[in-house]
C-alpha atoms as a PDB file:
ATOM      1  CA  MET A   1     -27.111 -11.851   8.492  1.00  0.00           C
ATOM      2  CA  ASN A   2     -24.781 -10.007   6.169  1.00  0.00           C
ATOM      3  CA  TYR A   3     -21.137 -10.314   7.151  1.00  0.00           C
ATOM      4  CA  LEU A   4     -19.745  -8.459   4.128  1.00  0.00           C
ATOM      5  CA  GLY A   5     -19.113  -5.237   6.055  1.00  0.00           C
ATOM      6  CA  CYS A   6     -17.132  -7.045   8.726  1.00  0.00           C
ATOM      7  CA  ILE A   7     -15.144  -9.018   6.154  1.00  0.00           C
ATOM      8  CA  VAL A   8     -14.255  -5.900   4.156  1.00  0.00           C
ATOM      9  CA  GLY A   9     -13.462  -3.999   7.359  1.00  0.00           C
ATOM     10  CA  LEU A  10     -11.149  -6.742   8.582  1.00  0.00           C
ATOM     11  CA  ALA A  11      -9.496  -7.048   5.169  1.00  0.00           C
ATOM     12  CA  THR A  12      -8.951  -3.266   5.063  1.00  0.00           C
ATOM     13  CA  PHE A  13      -7.426  -3.333   8.541  1.00  0.00           C
ATOM     14  CA  LEU A  14      -5.049  -6.152   7.550  1.00  0.00           C
ATOM     15  CA  ILE A  15      -4.130  -4.543   4.222  1.00  0.00           C
ATOM     16  CA  ILE A  16      -3.241  -1.228   5.849  1.00  0.00           C
ATOM     17  CA  GLY A  17      -1.303  -3.096   8.524  1.00  0.00           C
ATOM     18  CA  MET A  18       0.646  -4.991   5.847  1.00  0.00           C
ATOM     19  CA  PHE A  19       1.455  -1.910   3.794  1.00  0.00           C
ATOM     20  CA  HIS A  20       2.971   0.025   6.688  1.00  0.00           C
ATOM     21  CA  PRO A  21       6.092  -2.192   6.913  1.00  0.00           C
ATOM     22  CA  ILE A  22       6.146  -2.604   3.114  1.00  0.00           C
ATOM     23  CA  VAL A  23       6.529   1.154   2.720  1.00  0.00           C
ATOM     24  CA  ILE A  24       9.216   1.315   5.416  1.00  0.00           C
ATOM     25  CA  LYS A  25      11.232  -1.546   3.893  1.00  0.00           C
ATOM     26  CA  THR A  26      10.817  -0.205   0.358  1.00  0.00           C
ATOM     27  CA  GLU A  27      12.150   3.198   1.380  1.00  0.00           C
ATOM     28  CA  TYR A  28      15.020   1.603   3.282  1.00  0.00           C
ATOM     29  CA  TYR A  29      16.215  -0.671   0.474  1.00  0.00           C
ATOM     30  CA  ILE A  30      15.126   1.157  -2.700  1.00  0.00           C
ATOM     31  CA  GLY A  31      14.008   4.675  -1.823  1.00  0.00           C
ATOM     32  CA  LYS A  32      11.160   6.756  -3.119  1.00  0.00           C
ATOM     33  CA  LYS A  33      12.138   5.975  -6.723  1.00  0.00           C
ATOM     34  CA  ALA A  34      10.076   2.783  -6.336  1.00  0.00           C
ATOM     35  CA  TRP A  35       6.827   4.763  -6.463  1.00  0.00           C
ATOM     36  CA  PRO A  36       5.977   3.704 -10.065  1.00  0.00           C
ATOM     37  CA  VAL A  37       5.716   0.099  -8.856  1.00  0.00           C
ATOM     38  CA  PHE A  38       3.036   1.110  -6.357  1.00  0.00           C
ATOM     39  CA  LEU A  39       1.256   3.053  -9.109  1.00  0.00           C
ATOM     40  CA  ILE A  40       1.255   0.152 -11.573  1.00  0.00           C
ATOM     41  CA  VAL A  41       0.196  -2.417  -8.969  1.00  0.00           C
ATOM     42  CA  GLY A  42      -2.541  -0.058  -7.751  1.00  0.00           C
ATOM     43  CA  VAL A  43      -3.898   0.406 -11.279  1.00  0.00           C
ATOM     44  CA  VAL A  44      -3.872  -3.372 -11.820  1.00  0.00           C
ATOM     45  CA  PHE A  45      -5.852  -3.915  -8.602  1.00  0.00           C
ATOM     46  CA  ILE A  46      -8.365  -1.195  -9.523  1.00  0.00           C
ATOM     47  CA  ILE A  47      -8.869  -2.593 -13.018  1.00  0.00           C
ATOM     48  CA  GLY A  48      -9.184  -6.070 -11.515  1.00  0.00           C
ATOM     49  CA  SER A  49     -11.885  -4.798  -9.167  1.00  0.00           C
ATOM     50  CA  TRP A  50     -13.952  -3.705 -12.178  1.00  0.00           C
ATOM     51  CA  PHE A  51     -14.024  -7.191 -13.657  1.00  0.00           C
ATOM     52  CA  VAL A  52     -14.533  -9.389 -10.585  1.00  0.00           C
ATOM     53  CA  THR A  53     -18.169 -10.360 -10.124  1.00  0.00           C
ATOM     54  CA  SER A  54     -17.951 -10.976  -6.370  1.00  0.00           C
ATOM     55  CA  ILE A  55     -18.781  -7.783  -4.492  1.00  0.00           C
ATOM     56  CA  SER A  56     -16.537  -8.657  -1.542  1.00  0.00           C
ATOM     57  CA  ILE A  57     -13.489  -9.519  -3.665  1.00  0.00           C
ATOM     58  CA  SER A  58     -14.080  -6.495  -5.892  1.00  0.00           C
ATOM     59  CA  THR A  59     -14.211  -4.248  -2.836  1.00  0.00           C
ATOM     60  CA  ILE A  60     -11.056  -5.752  -1.352  1.00  0.00           C
ATOM     61  CA  LEU A  61      -9.230  -5.320  -4.679  1.00  0.00           C
ATOM     62  CA  GLY A  62     -10.347  -1.696  -4.706  1.00  0.00           C
ATOM     63  CA  VAL A  63      -9.023  -1.217  -1.182  1.00  0.00           C
ATOM     64  CA  LEU A  64      -5.721  -2.810  -2.230  1.00  0.00           C
ATOM     65  CA  GLY A  65      -5.501  -0.517  -5.259  1.00  0.00           C
ATOM     66  CA  PHE A  66      -6.112   2.679  -3.347  1.00  0.00           C
ATOM     67  CA  THR A  67      -3.796   1.546  -0.558  1.00  0.00           C
ATOM     68  CA  CYS A  68      -1.069   1.260  -3.192  1.00  0.00           C
ATOM     69  CA  PHE A  69      -1.847   4.822  -4.304  1.00  0.00           C
ATOM     70  CA  TRP A  70      -1.712   6.039  -0.712  1.00  0.00           C
ATOM     71  CA  SER A  71       1.607   4.239  -0.291  1.00  0.00           C
ATOM     72  CA  ILE A  72       3.140   6.520  -2.926  1.00  0.00           C
ATOM     73  CA  LYS A  73       2.459   9.469  -0.636  1.00  0.00           C
ATOM     74  CA  GLU A  74       3.671   7.542   2.396  1.00  0.00           C
ATOM     75  CA  LEU A  75       6.866   6.530   0.587  1.00  0.00           C
ATOM     76  CA  LYS A  76       7.752  10.180   0.026  1.00  0.00           C
ATOM     77  CA  GLU A  77       6.867  11.030   3.631  1.00  0.00           C
ATOM     78  CA  GLN A  78       8.922   8.080   4.877  1.00  0.00           C
ATOM     79  CA  GLU A  79      11.975   9.586   3.198  1.00  0.00           C
ATOM     80  CA  GLU A  80      11.340  12.775   5.174  1.00  0.00           C
ATOM     81  CA  ARG A  81      10.979  10.792   8.400  1.00  0.00           C
ATOM     82  CA  VAL A  82      14.334   9.119   7.714  1.00  0.00           C
ATOM     83  CA  ALA A  83      15.928  12.514   7.061  1.00  0.00           C
ATOM     84  CA  LYS A  84      14.619  13.707  10.447  1.00  0.00           C
ATOM     85  CA  GLY A  85      16.212  10.677  12.100  1.00  0.00           C
ATOM     86  CA  TRP A  86      12.933   9.054  13.110  1.00  0.00           C
ATOM     87  CA  PHE A  87      13.806   5.884  11.144  1.00  0.00           C
ATOM     88  CA  PRO A  88      17.206   4.383  10.334  1.00  0.00           C
ATOM     89  CA  LYS A  89      18.922   5.280   7.080  1.00  0.00           C
ATOM     90  CA  ASN A  90      20.335   2.493   4.928  1.00  0.00           C
ATOM     91  CA  PRO A  91      24.102   3.150   4.789  1.00  0.00           C
ATOM     92  CA  ASN A  92      24.394   1.066   1.589  1.00  0.00           C
ATOM     93  CA  LYS A  93      21.797   3.074  -0.328  1.00  0.00           C
ATOM     94  CA  GLU A  94      22.809   5.992  -2.545  1.00  0.00           C
END
């Protein structure tokens, strides 16, 4: 049996679940100006996925990289959600 699909699916589920609070906390403490960090980390993961010989690890690194890219969009949208009052605003920021 090949369990690779289930492993990658589970890893993707966990990665997306981890990044949701990361984006919320990043927006709360730093703001959307932190987006270059997500870009750089995403590029590093993507490049790393090119050089890893294990298909499963390469795939998971690719998922991590593109999740970082997606987080840039979510970071900007999180700022809008805070402005609408859906999430708390950090009184010490800005």
